[in-house]
């Protein structure tokens, strides 16, 4: 049994995302509307719609960090389809071996957010570790806003490698994203 102030990290699929939906959206908006992230009000309903649709994707996984019933953070993602198009729109050509996709090669971490009161205690690392634990894919991928330098530093510390910058992407805020990859055979630190 968890201690009253202990942070519990637990995972699930689409049903779990439905249970936590409103609280995930509130954490998302609070985290990503603050510095250093670029934010426009349209990002809130766009995130809600994306999460609603992703809950139905085969292989979708959600992990939450909570203290009692208070959500401190979340991470979610899904297997990247071979025809996803993730590897387009880079500012320079990328190696063919990196961008080649096939079913089961890549797990996409779509969103990870931790409230300020949950940071500096290993919560983000625990969320990612649980999200990626026992994945069958060879690697994971995620995107980070270029202005989020501290976030990028943490990812590098956890064993992620920056492979390039996507953009400019028309109609997307921000128009550029830094893309990171991690071999899932490498344990997170």
N, C-alpha and C. Protein backbone atom coordinates (compact mmCIF):
# COMPACT_ATOMS: atom_id res chain seq x y z
N UNK A 1 0.84 -1.19 0.00
CA UNK A 1 0.00 0.00 0.00
C UNK A 1 0.88 1.25 0.00
N UNK A 2 0.50 2.22 -0.81
CA UNK A 2 1.29 3.44 -0.94
C UNK A 2 1.11 4.35 0.28
N UNK A 3 2.21 5.01 0.63
CA UNK A 3 2.16 6.03 1.68
C UNK A 3 1.32 7.20 1.17
N UNK A 4 0.69 7.97 2.07
CA UNK A 4 -0.19 9.06 1.63
C UNK A 4 0.48 10.08 0.72
N UNK A 5 1.76 10.40 0.93
CA UNK A 5 2.43 11.41 0.11
C UNK A 5 3.33 10.81 -0.96
N UNK A 6 3.29 9.49 -1.12
CA UNK A 6 4.11 8.83 -2.11
C UNK A 6 3.56 9.09 -3.52
N UNK A 7 4.47 9.29 -4.48
CA UNK A 7 4.08 9.44 -5.87
C UNK A 7 3.97 8.04 -6.47
N UNK A 8 2.80 7.72 -6.97
CA UNK A 8 2.52 6.43 -7.58
C UNK A 8 2.53 6.61 -9.10
N UNK A 9 3.25 5.74 -9.79
CA UNK A 9 3.29 5.75 -11.26
C UNK A 9 2.61 4.48 -11.71
N UNK A 10 1.59 4.65 -12.55
CA UNK A 10 0.83 3.49 -13.03
C UNK A 10 0.40 3.70 -14.46
N UNK A 11 0.22 2.60 -15.18
CA UNK A 11 -0.08 2.70 -16.60
C UNK A 11 -1.35 2.01 -16.99
N UNK A 12 -1.74 2.27 -18.23
CA UNK A 12 -2.93 1.67 -18.80
C UNK A 12 -3.03 2.02 -20.27
N UNK A 13 -4.19 1.75 -20.83
CA UNK A 13 -4.43 2.04 -22.24
C UNK A 13 -5.48 3.11 -22.42
N UNK A 14 -6.29 2.96 -23.45
CA UNK A 14 -7.30 3.95 -23.79
C UNK A 14 -8.33 4.16 -22.70
N UNK A 15 -8.70 3.09 -22.01
CA UNK A 15 -9.68 3.21 -20.93
C UNK A 15 -9.14 4.07 -19.79
N UNK A 16 -7.89 3.87 -19.46
CA UNK A 16 -7.24 4.68 -18.43
C UNK A 16 -7.17 6.14 -18.87
N UNK A 17 -6.91 6.38 -20.15
CA UNK A 17 -6.87 7.75 -20.66
C UNK A 17 -8.24 8.40 -20.56
N UNK A 18 -9.30 7.64 -20.76
CA UNK A 18 -10.64 8.19 -20.61
C UNK A 18 -10.90 8.58 -19.16
N UNK A 19 -10.45 7.74 -18.22
CA UNK A 19 -10.63 8.03 -16.79
C UNK A 19 -9.90 9.30 -16.37
N UNK A 20 -8.71 9.49 -16.90
CA UNK A 20 -7.87 10.62 -16.50
C UNK A 20 -7.98 11.81 -17.45
N UNK A 21 -8.81 11.73 -18.46
CA UNK A 21 -8.82 12.67 -19.58
C UNK A 21 -8.80 14.14 -19.16
N UNK A 22 -9.74 14.59 -18.37
CA UNK A 22 -9.83 16.01 -17.98
C UNK A 22 -8.58 16.45 -17.23
N UNK A 23 -8.09 15.61 -16.34
CA UNK A 23 -6.90 15.98 -15.56
C UNK A 23 -5.65 16.00 -16.42
N UNK A 24 -5.55 15.07 -17.39
CA UNK A 24 -4.41 15.10 -18.32
C UNK A 24 -4.43 16.41 -19.11
N UNK A 25 -5.60 16.78 -19.60
CA UNK A 25 -5.72 18.01 -20.39
C UNK A 25 -5.37 19.24 -19.55
N UNK A 26 -5.76 19.25 -18.29
CA UNK A 26 -5.42 20.38 -17.41
C UNK A 26 -3.92 20.47 -17.18
N UNK A 27 -3.26 19.33 -16.96
CA UNK A 27 -1.81 19.32 -16.77
C UNK A 27 -1.13 19.77 -18.07
N UNK A 28 -1.56 19.23 -19.19
CA UNK A 28 -1.01 19.63 -20.48
C UNK A 28 -1.04 21.14 -20.65
N UNK A 29 -2.20 21.72 -20.44
CA UNK A 29 -2.35 23.16 -20.66
C UNK A 29 -1.49 23.97 -19.69
N UNK A 30 -1.44 23.54 -18.44
CA UNK A 30 -0.64 24.28 -17.44
C UNK A 30 0.85 24.22 -17.77
N UNK A 31 1.33 23.03 -18.14
CA UNK A 31 2.76 22.86 -18.42
C UNK A 31 3.15 23.57 -19.71
N UNK A 32 2.42 23.32 -20.79
CA UNK A 32 2.87 23.81 -22.09
C UNK A 32 2.47 25.24 -22.40
N UNK A 33 1.65 25.86 -21.54
CA UNK A 33 1.34 27.28 -21.73
C UNK A 33 2.33 28.17 -20.98
N UNK A 34 3.27 27.56 -20.27
CA UNK A 34 4.27 28.31 -19.49
C UNK A 34 5.60 28.36 -20.24
N UNK A 35 6.43 29.32 -19.90
CA UNK A 35 7.79 29.42 -20.45
C UNK A 35 8.51 28.11 -20.15
N UNK A 36 9.32 27.62 -21.01
CA UNK A 36 9.86 28.20 -22.24
C UNK A 36 9.09 27.77 -23.50
N UNK A 37 7.91 27.21 -23.33
CA UNK A 37 7.19 26.65 -24.47
C UNK A 37 6.42 27.70 -25.24
N UNK A 38 6.35 27.51 -26.57
CA UNK A 38 5.50 28.34 -27.42
C UNK A 38 4.07 27.82 -27.26
N UNK A 39 3.11 28.73 -27.12
CA UNK A 39 1.73 28.33 -26.86
C UNK A 39 0.77 29.29 -27.55
N UNK A 40 -0.26 28.72 -28.13
CA UNK A 40 -1.39 29.50 -28.62
C UNK A 40 -2.64 28.82 -28.08
N UNK A 41 -3.71 29.58 -27.83
CA UNK A 41 -4.91 28.99 -27.23
C UNK A 41 -5.47 27.78 -27.99
N UNK A 42 -5.27 27.73 -29.29
CA UNK A 42 -5.79 26.61 -30.08
C UNK A 42 -5.15 25.28 -29.71
N UNK A 43 -4.02 25.34 -29.00
CA UNK A 43 -3.33 24.10 -28.63
C UNK A 43 -4.13 23.27 -27.64
N UNK A 44 -4.93 23.90 -26.82
CA UNK A 44 -5.71 23.17 -25.82
C UNK A 44 -6.76 22.26 -26.48
N UNK A 45 -7.66 22.79 -27.31
CA UNK A 45 -8.63 21.88 -27.95
C UNK A 45 -7.96 20.90 -28.93
N UNK A 46 -6.86 21.31 -29.55
CA UNK A 46 -6.16 20.39 -30.46
C UNK A 46 -5.60 19.19 -29.68
N UNK A 47 -5.06 19.46 -28.48
CA UNK A 47 -4.56 18.37 -27.65
C UNK A 47 -5.71 17.44 -27.23
N UNK A 48 -6.83 18.02 -26.83
CA UNK A 48 -7.98 17.19 -26.44
C UNK A 48 -8.40 16.27 -27.57
N UNK A 49 -8.50 16.80 -28.77
CA UNK A 49 -8.91 16.00 -29.92
C UNK A 49 -7.87 14.92 -30.23
N UNK A 50 -6.59 15.28 -30.15
CA UNK A 50 -5.54 14.30 -30.40
C UNK A 50 -5.60 13.16 -29.38
N UNK A 51 -5.75 13.49 -28.12
CA UNK A 51 -5.81 12.45 -27.09
C UNK A 51 -7.04 11.58 -27.27
N UNK A 52 -8.18 12.17 -27.59
CA UNK A 52 -9.39 11.38 -27.84
C UNK A 52 -9.15 10.36 -28.96
N UNK A 53 -8.54 10.80 -30.04
CA UNK A 53 -8.33 9.90 -31.17
C UNK A 53 -7.25 8.86 -30.88
N UNK A 54 -6.19 9.25 -30.17
CA UNK A 54 -5.11 8.31 -29.88
C UNK A 54 -5.53 7.19 -28.94
N UNK A 55 -6.52 7.44 -28.10
CA UNK A 55 -7.01 6.40 -27.17
C UNK A 55 -7.47 5.16 -27.93
N UNK A 56 -7.85 5.34 -29.19
CA UNK A 56 -8.37 4.23 -30.00
C UNK A 56 -7.28 3.52 -30.81
N UNK A 57 -6.07 4.05 -30.81
CA UNK A 57 -4.98 3.49 -31.61
C UNK A 57 -4.47 2.20 -30.95
N UNK A 58 -4.32 1.16 -31.75
CA UNK A 58 -3.78 -0.10 -31.24
C UNK A 58 -2.39 0.14 -30.67
N UNK A 59 -2.15 -0.31 -29.47
CA UNK A 59 -0.84 -0.17 -28.83
C UNK A 59 -0.69 1.12 -28.03
N UNK A 60 -1.74 1.99 -28.02
CA UNK A 60 -1.68 3.21 -27.22
C UNK A 60 -1.41 2.85 -25.77
N UNK A 61 -0.55 3.64 -25.12
CA UNK A 61 -0.23 3.41 -23.71
C UNK A 61 -0.14 4.77 -23.02
N UNK A 62 -0.69 4.81 -21.81
CA UNK A 62 -0.67 5.99 -20.96
C UNK A 62 -0.08 5.61 -19.62
N UNK A 63 0.74 6.49 -19.08
CA UNK A 63 1.27 6.33 -17.72
C UNK A 63 1.02 7.64 -16.99
N UNK A 64 0.54 7.53 -15.75
CA UNK A 64 0.31 8.72 -14.94
C UNK A 64 1.12 8.64 -13.67
N UNK A 65 1.47 9.82 -13.15
CA UNK A 65 2.11 9.94 -11.83
C UNK A 65 1.11 10.70 -10.97
N UNK A 66 0.78 10.11 -9.84
CA UNK A 66 -0.22 10.75 -8.98
C UNK A 66 0.21 10.67 -7.52
N UNK A 67 -0.26 11.63 -6.79
CA UNK A 67 -0.15 11.61 -5.33
C UNK A 67 -1.59 11.58 -4.85
N UNK A 68 -1.95 10.45 -4.25
CA UNK A 68 -3.37 10.17 -3.96
C UNK A 68 -4.12 10.25 -5.28
N UNK A 69 -5.14 11.09 -5.38
CA UNK A 69 -5.88 11.22 -6.64
C UNK A 69 -5.48 12.46 -7.43
N UNK A 70 -4.41 13.14 -7.03
CA UNK A 70 -3.96 14.35 -7.71
C UNK A 70 -2.92 13.99 -8.77
N UNK A 71 -3.23 14.31 -10.01
CA UNK A 71 -2.33 14.02 -11.12
C UNK A 71 -1.16 15.00 -11.09
N UNK A 72 0.07 14.46 -11.08
CA UNK A 72 1.29 15.27 -11.11
C UNK A 72 1.91 15.30 -12.50
N UNK A 73 1.64 14.27 -13.28
CA UNK A 73 2.23 14.20 -14.61
C UNK A 73 1.71 13.00 -15.37
N UNK A 74 2.05 12.96 -16.64
CA UNK A 74 1.61 11.86 -17.50
C UNK A 74 2.60 11.72 -18.65
N UNK A 75 2.53 10.57 -19.30
CA UNK A 75 3.23 10.32 -20.55
C UNK A 75 2.37 9.37 -21.36
N UNK A 76 2.31 9.59 -22.65
CA UNK A 76 1.59 8.64 -23.49
C UNK A 76 2.18 8.58 -24.88
N UNK A 77 1.89 7.48 -25.56
CA UNK A 77 2.39 7.29 -26.90
C UNK A 77 1.78 6.07 -27.54
N UNK A 78 2.30 5.73 -28.71
CA UNK A 78 1.78 4.59 -29.47
C UNK A 78 2.84 4.13 -30.47
N UNK A 79 2.70 2.90 -30.97
CA UNK A 79 3.62 2.44 -32.01
C UNK A 79 3.49 3.33 -33.24
N UNK A 80 4.60 3.68 -33.83
CA UNK A 80 4.61 4.55 -35.01
C UNK A 80 4.31 3.70 -36.25
N UNK A 81 3.23 4.01 -36.98
CA UNK A 81 2.96 3.26 -38.21
C UNK A 81 4.07 3.50 -39.24
N UNK A 82 4.33 2.51 -40.05
CA UNK A 82 5.40 2.61 -41.05
C UNK A 82 5.17 3.75 -42.03
N UNK A 83 3.91 4.11 -42.28
CA UNK A 83 3.60 5.17 -43.24
C UNK A 83 3.25 6.49 -42.56
N UNK A 84 3.70 6.70 -41.35
CA UNK A 84 3.29 7.84 -40.55
C UNK A 84 3.72 9.18 -41.13
N UNK A 85 4.88 9.27 -41.70
CA UNK A 85 5.37 10.54 -42.22
C UNK A 85 6.17 11.35 -41.22
N UNK A 86 6.48 10.78 -40.07
CA UNK A 86 7.24 11.47 -39.03
C UNK A 86 8.57 12.01 -39.57
N UNK A 87 9.14 11.28 -40.51
CA UNK A 87 10.50 11.59 -40.95
C UNK A 87 10.56 12.61 -42.08
N UNK A 88 9.45 13.27 -42.41
CA UNK A 88 9.46 14.30 -43.43
C UNK A 88 9.74 15.67 -42.83
N UNK A 89 10.01 16.63 -43.68
CA UNK A 89 10.12 18.05 -43.29
C UNK A 89 11.30 18.38 -42.39
N UNK A 90 12.40 17.65 -42.50
CA UNK A 90 13.59 17.99 -41.72
C UNK A 90 14.38 19.07 -42.42
N UNK A 91 15.17 19.79 -41.66
CA UNK A 91 15.95 20.90 -42.22
C UNK A 91 17.17 20.42 -42.99
N UNK A 92 17.44 19.13 -42.94
CA UNK A 92 18.55 18.54 -43.68
C UNK A 92 18.22 17.07 -43.91
N UNK A 93 18.83 16.44 -44.91
CA UNK A 93 18.58 15.02 -45.15
C UNK A 93 19.08 14.17 -43.97
N UNK A 94 18.34 13.15 -43.63
CA UNK A 94 18.73 12.23 -42.56
C UNK A 94 19.12 10.89 -43.16
N UNK A 95 19.98 10.14 -42.46
CA UNK A 95 20.41 8.84 -42.99
C UNK A 95 19.23 7.90 -43.25
N UNK A 96 19.29 7.18 -44.36
CA UNK A 96 18.22 6.26 -44.75
C UNK A 96 17.95 5.22 -43.67
N UNK A 97 19.00 4.74 -43.02
CA UNK A 97 18.82 3.74 -41.97
C UNK A 97 18.06 4.27 -40.76
N UNK A 98 18.13 5.57 -40.53
CA UNK A 98 17.41 6.19 -39.42
C UNK A 98 15.93 6.34 -39.74
N UNK A 99 15.63 6.78 -40.96
CA UNK A 99 14.25 7.12 -41.30
C UNK A 99 13.43 5.94 -41.82
N UNK A 100 14.06 4.83 -42.11
CA UNK A 100 13.33 3.66 -42.59
C UNK A 100 12.46 3.12 -41.47
N UNK A 101 11.18 2.94 -41.75
CA UNK A 101 10.24 2.42 -40.76
C UNK A 101 9.64 1.11 -41.23
N UNK A 102 9.27 0.29 -40.28
CA UNK A 102 8.52 -0.93 -40.54
C UNK A 102 7.69 -1.20 -39.29
N UNK A 103 6.65 -1.97 -39.42
CA UNK A 103 5.81 -2.24 -38.25
C UNK A 103 6.64 -2.81 -37.10
N UNK A 104 6.52 -2.19 -35.95
CA UNK A 104 7.22 -2.67 -34.77
C UNK A 104 8.60 -2.05 -34.55
N UNK A 105 9.02 -1.14 -35.40
CA UNK A 105 10.35 -0.57 -35.22
C UNK A 105 10.37 0.54 -34.16
N UNK A 106 9.36 1.44 -34.17
CA UNK A 106 9.44 2.66 -33.38
C UNK A 106 8.20 2.89 -32.53
N UNK A 107 8.41 3.27 -31.29
CA UNK A 107 7.33 3.72 -30.41
C UNK A 107 7.45 5.23 -30.30
N UNK A 108 6.36 5.95 -30.57
CA UNK A 108 6.36 7.41 -30.52
C UNK A 108 5.83 7.89 -29.16
N UNK A 109 6.68 8.60 -28.44
CA UNK A 109 6.25 9.26 -27.21
C UNK A 109 5.60 10.57 -27.67
N UNK A 110 4.30 10.66 -27.53
CA UNK A 110 3.57 11.81 -28.06
C UNK A 110 3.57 12.97 -27.08
N UNK A 111 3.42 12.70 -25.80
CA UNK A 111 3.40 13.79 -24.83
C UNK A 111 3.88 13.29 -23.48
N UNK A 112 4.67 14.14 -22.83
CA UNK A 112 5.14 13.93 -21.46
C UNK A 112 5.08 15.29 -20.78
N UNK A 113 4.40 15.34 -19.66
CA UNK A 113 4.30 16.61 -18.92
C UNK A 113 4.29 16.31 -17.43
N UNK A 114 5.02 17.13 -16.67
CA UNK A 114 5.06 17.02 -15.21
C UNK A 114 4.85 18.43 -14.65
N UNK A 115 3.91 18.54 -13.71
CA UNK A 115 3.66 19.83 -13.06
C UNK A 115 4.89 20.28 -12.29
N UNK A 116 5.08 21.59 -12.12
CA UNK A 116 6.25 22.08 -11.39
C UNK A 116 6.45 21.42 -10.02
N UNK A 117 5.37 21.15 -9.31
CA UNK A 117 5.50 20.54 -7.98
C UNK A 117 5.91 19.07 -8.03
N UNK A 118 5.94 18.47 -9.21
CA UNK A 118 6.39 17.09 -9.36
C UNK A 118 7.77 16.97 -9.95
N UNK A 119 8.40 18.09 -10.30
CA UNK A 119 9.71 18.07 -10.96
C UNK A 119 10.84 17.99 -9.93
N UNK A 120 11.98 17.54 -10.43
CA UNK A 120 13.17 17.47 -9.58
C UNK A 120 13.16 16.30 -8.61
N UNK A 121 12.23 15.38 -8.80
CA UNK A 121 12.10 14.22 -7.92
C UNK A 121 12.12 12.91 -8.70
N UNK A 122 12.51 12.98 -9.96
CA UNK A 122 12.57 11.78 -10.78
C UNK A 122 11.25 11.37 -11.39
N UNK A 123 10.23 12.20 -11.27
CA UNK A 123 8.90 11.83 -11.76
C UNK A 123 8.89 11.63 -13.28
N UNK A 124 9.47 12.56 -14.02
CA UNK A 124 9.50 12.43 -15.48
C UNK A 124 10.23 11.18 -15.93
N UNK A 125 11.35 10.89 -15.30
CA UNK A 125 12.11 9.69 -15.64
C UNK A 125 11.33 8.43 -15.34
N UNK A 126 10.62 8.42 -14.21
CA UNK A 126 9.79 7.26 -13.86
C UNK A 126 8.65 7.08 -14.87
N UNK A 127 8.05 8.21 -15.28
CA UNK A 127 6.97 8.12 -16.28
C UNK A 127 7.48 7.50 -17.58
N UNK A 128 8.61 8.00 -18.08
CA UNK A 128 9.16 7.47 -19.33
C UNK A 128 9.58 6.01 -19.18
N UNK A 129 10.21 5.70 -18.07
CA UNK A 129 10.65 4.31 -17.84
C UNK A 129 9.46 3.36 -17.87
N UNK A 130 8.38 3.74 -17.20
CA UNK A 130 7.19 2.89 -17.17
C UNK A 130 6.52 2.83 -18.54
N UNK A 131 6.46 3.96 -19.24
CA UNK A 131 5.84 3.99 -20.56
C UNK A 131 6.57 3.07 -21.53
N UNK A 132 7.89 3.05 -21.45
CA UNK A 132 8.70 2.29 -22.40
C UNK A 132 9.06 0.89 -21.93
N UNK A 133 8.74 0.57 -20.68
CA UNK A 133 9.06 -0.75 -20.13
C UNK A 133 8.33 -1.84 -20.92
N UNK A 134 9.05 -2.87 -21.26
CA UNK A 134 8.50 -4.04 -21.95
C UNK A 134 7.97 -3.76 -23.35
N UNK A 135 8.38 -2.66 -23.95
CA UNK A 135 7.96 -2.38 -25.32
C UNK A 135 8.66 -3.36 -26.26
N UNK A 136 7.98 -3.78 -27.30
CA UNK A 136 8.56 -4.70 -28.28
C UNK A 136 9.33 -3.95 -29.37
N UNK A 137 9.09 -2.64 -29.50
CA UNK A 137 9.76 -1.86 -30.54
C UNK A 137 11.26 -1.76 -30.25
N UNK A 138 12.02 -1.48 -31.31
CA UNK A 138 13.47 -1.35 -31.20
C UNK A 138 13.90 -0.01 -30.62
N UNK A 139 13.07 1.01 -30.85
CA UNK A 139 13.48 2.34 -30.44
C UNK A 139 12.24 3.17 -30.12
N UNK A 140 12.51 4.32 -29.50
CA UNK A 140 11.45 5.29 -29.23
C UNK A 140 11.87 6.62 -29.82
N UNK A 141 10.87 7.45 -30.11
CA UNK A 141 11.10 8.76 -30.70
C UNK A 141 10.22 9.77 -29.98
N UNK A 142 10.70 11.00 -29.89
CA UNK A 142 9.89 12.08 -29.33
C UNK A 142 10.33 13.40 -29.92
N UNK A 143 9.49 14.41 -29.76
CA UNK A 143 9.82 15.74 -30.25
C UNK A 143 9.78 16.73 -29.09
N UNK A 144 10.64 17.75 -29.19
CA UNK A 144 10.76 18.75 -28.14
C UNK A 144 10.84 20.13 -28.81
N UNK A 145 10.17 21.09 -28.20
CA UNK A 145 10.27 22.45 -28.72
C UNK A 145 11.72 22.93 -28.56
N UNK A 146 12.27 23.60 -29.57
CA UNK A 146 13.67 24.06 -29.50
C UNK A 146 13.97 24.98 -28.33
N UNK A 147 12.97 25.72 -27.84
CA UNK A 147 13.20 26.64 -26.72
C UNK A 147 13.28 25.93 -25.37
N UNK A 148 12.90 24.67 -25.32
CA UNK A 148 12.89 23.91 -24.06
C UNK A 148 14.26 23.28 -23.82
N UNK A 149 15.25 24.12 -23.58
CA UNK A 149 16.63 23.66 -23.44
C UNK A 149 16.83 22.76 -22.23
N UNK A 150 16.21 23.08 -21.11
CA UNK A 150 16.34 22.23 -19.91
C UNK A 150 15.73 20.85 -20.16
N UNK A 151 14.60 20.82 -20.84
CA UNK A 151 13.96 19.54 -21.17
C UNK A 151 14.87 18.72 -22.07
N UNK A 152 15.47 19.36 -23.05
CA UNK A 152 16.36 18.65 -23.96
C UNK A 152 17.58 18.10 -23.21
N UNK A 153 18.09 18.86 -22.28
CA UNK A 153 19.23 18.41 -21.47
C UNK A 153 18.87 17.16 -20.67
N UNK A 154 17.68 17.14 -20.12
CA UNK A 154 17.22 15.97 -19.35
C UNK A 154 17.12 14.75 -20.26
N UNK A 155 16.53 14.94 -21.45
CA UNK A 155 16.41 13.80 -22.37
C UNK A 155 17.79 13.25 -22.73
N UNK A 156 18.74 14.14 -23.01
CA UNK A 156 20.09 13.66 -23.32
C UNK A 156 20.68 12.89 -22.13
N UNK A 157 20.44 13.38 -20.92
CA UNK A 157 20.91 12.69 -19.71
C UNK A 157 20.29 11.29 -19.61
N UNK A 158 19.05 11.15 -20.05
CA UNK A 158 18.36 9.85 -20.01
C UNK A 158 18.71 8.95 -21.18
N UNK A 159 19.63 9.36 -22.04
CA UNK A 159 20.08 8.50 -23.12
C UNK A 159 19.46 8.74 -24.48
N UNK A 160 18.72 9.83 -24.64
CA UNK A 160 18.12 10.17 -25.91
C UNK A 160 19.15 10.94 -26.77
N UNK A 161 19.07 10.78 -28.09
CA UNK A 161 19.96 11.45 -29.02
C UNK A 161 19.16 12.35 -29.96
N UNK A 162 19.59 13.60 -30.07
CA UNK A 162 18.96 14.53 -31.01
C UNK A 162 19.41 14.14 -32.41
N UNK A 163 18.44 13.86 -33.30
CA UNK A 163 18.78 13.43 -34.65
C UNK A 163 18.49 14.49 -35.70
N UNK A 164 17.86 15.61 -35.30
CA UNK A 164 17.61 16.67 -36.27
C UNK A 164 16.44 17.55 -35.88
N UNK A 165 16.24 18.54 -36.71
CA UNK A 165 15.17 19.52 -36.49
C UNK A 165 14.16 19.42 -37.64
N UNK A 166 12.89 19.27 -37.27
CA UNK A 166 11.79 19.28 -38.22
C UNK A 166 11.32 20.70 -38.41
N UNK A 167 10.99 21.05 -39.64
CA UNK A 167 10.39 22.34 -39.88
C UNK A 167 11.10 23.12 -40.95
N UNK A 168 10.47 24.22 -41.32
CA UNK A 168 9.26 24.77 -40.71
C UNK A 168 8.01 24.00 -41.14
N UNK A 169 7.09 23.85 -40.18
CA UNK A 169 5.83 23.16 -40.41
C UNK A 169 4.72 24.20 -40.48
N UNK A 170 4.05 24.28 -41.60
CA UNK A 170 3.00 25.27 -41.81
C UNK A 170 1.83 25.02 -40.87
N UNK A 171 1.37 26.07 -40.21
CA UNK A 171 0.20 25.98 -39.35
C UNK A 171 0.43 25.30 -38.02
N UNK A 172 1.69 25.07 -37.65
CA UNK A 172 2.03 24.38 -36.40
C UNK A 172 2.76 25.36 -35.49
N UNK A 173 2.42 25.32 -34.20
CA UNK A 173 3.12 26.14 -33.20
C UNK A 173 3.83 25.19 -32.25
N UNK A 174 5.14 25.40 -32.09
CA UNK A 174 6.02 26.21 -32.90
C UNK A 174 6.25 25.53 -34.25
N UNK A 175 6.79 26.26 -35.21
CA UNK A 175 6.98 25.67 -36.54
C UNK A 175 8.17 24.72 -36.63
N UNK A 176 9.04 24.70 -35.61
CA UNK A 176 10.20 23.81 -35.59
C UNK A 176 10.14 22.91 -34.36
N UNK A 177 10.64 21.66 -34.50
CA UNK A 177 10.69 20.70 -33.40
C UNK A 177 12.01 19.94 -33.48
N UNK A 178 12.65 19.74 -32.34
CA UNK A 178 13.86 18.91 -32.28
C UNK A 178 13.43 17.48 -32.00
N UNK A 179 13.97 16.55 -32.77
CA UNK A 179 13.56 15.15 -32.70
C UNK A 179 14.66 14.33 -32.02
N UNK A 180 14.23 13.52 -31.06
CA UNK A 180 15.13 12.67 -30.29
C UNK A 180 14.73 11.21 -30.48
N UNK A 181 15.76 10.34 -30.45
CA UNK A 181 15.57 8.90 -30.59
C UNK A 181 16.34 8.21 -29.48
N UNK A 182 15.80 7.09 -29.00
CA UNK A 182 16.51 6.28 -28.01
C UNK A 182 16.29 4.81 -28.32
N UNK A 183 17.35 4.05 -28.30
CA UNK A 183 17.29 2.60 -28.45
C UNK A 183 16.60 2.06 -27.20
N UNK A 184 15.61 1.21 -27.38
CA UNK A 184 14.89 0.68 -26.22
C UNK A 184 15.64 -0.44 -25.53
N UNK A 185 16.77 -0.85 -26.09
CA UNK A 185 17.62 -1.81 -25.40
C UNK A 185 18.49 -1.12 -24.35
N UNK A 186 18.49 0.23 -24.33
CA UNK A 186 19.28 1.00 -23.38
C UNK A 186 18.40 1.40 -22.22
N UNK A 187 18.75 0.99 -21.03
CA UNK A 187 17.95 1.34 -19.85
C UNK A 187 18.06 2.84 -19.59
N UNK A 188 16.92 3.43 -19.18
CA UNK A 188 16.96 4.85 -18.83
C UNK A 188 17.71 5.01 -17.52
N UNK A 189 18.28 6.18 -17.34
CA UNK A 189 19.08 6.43 -16.14
C UNK A 189 18.29 7.20 -15.13
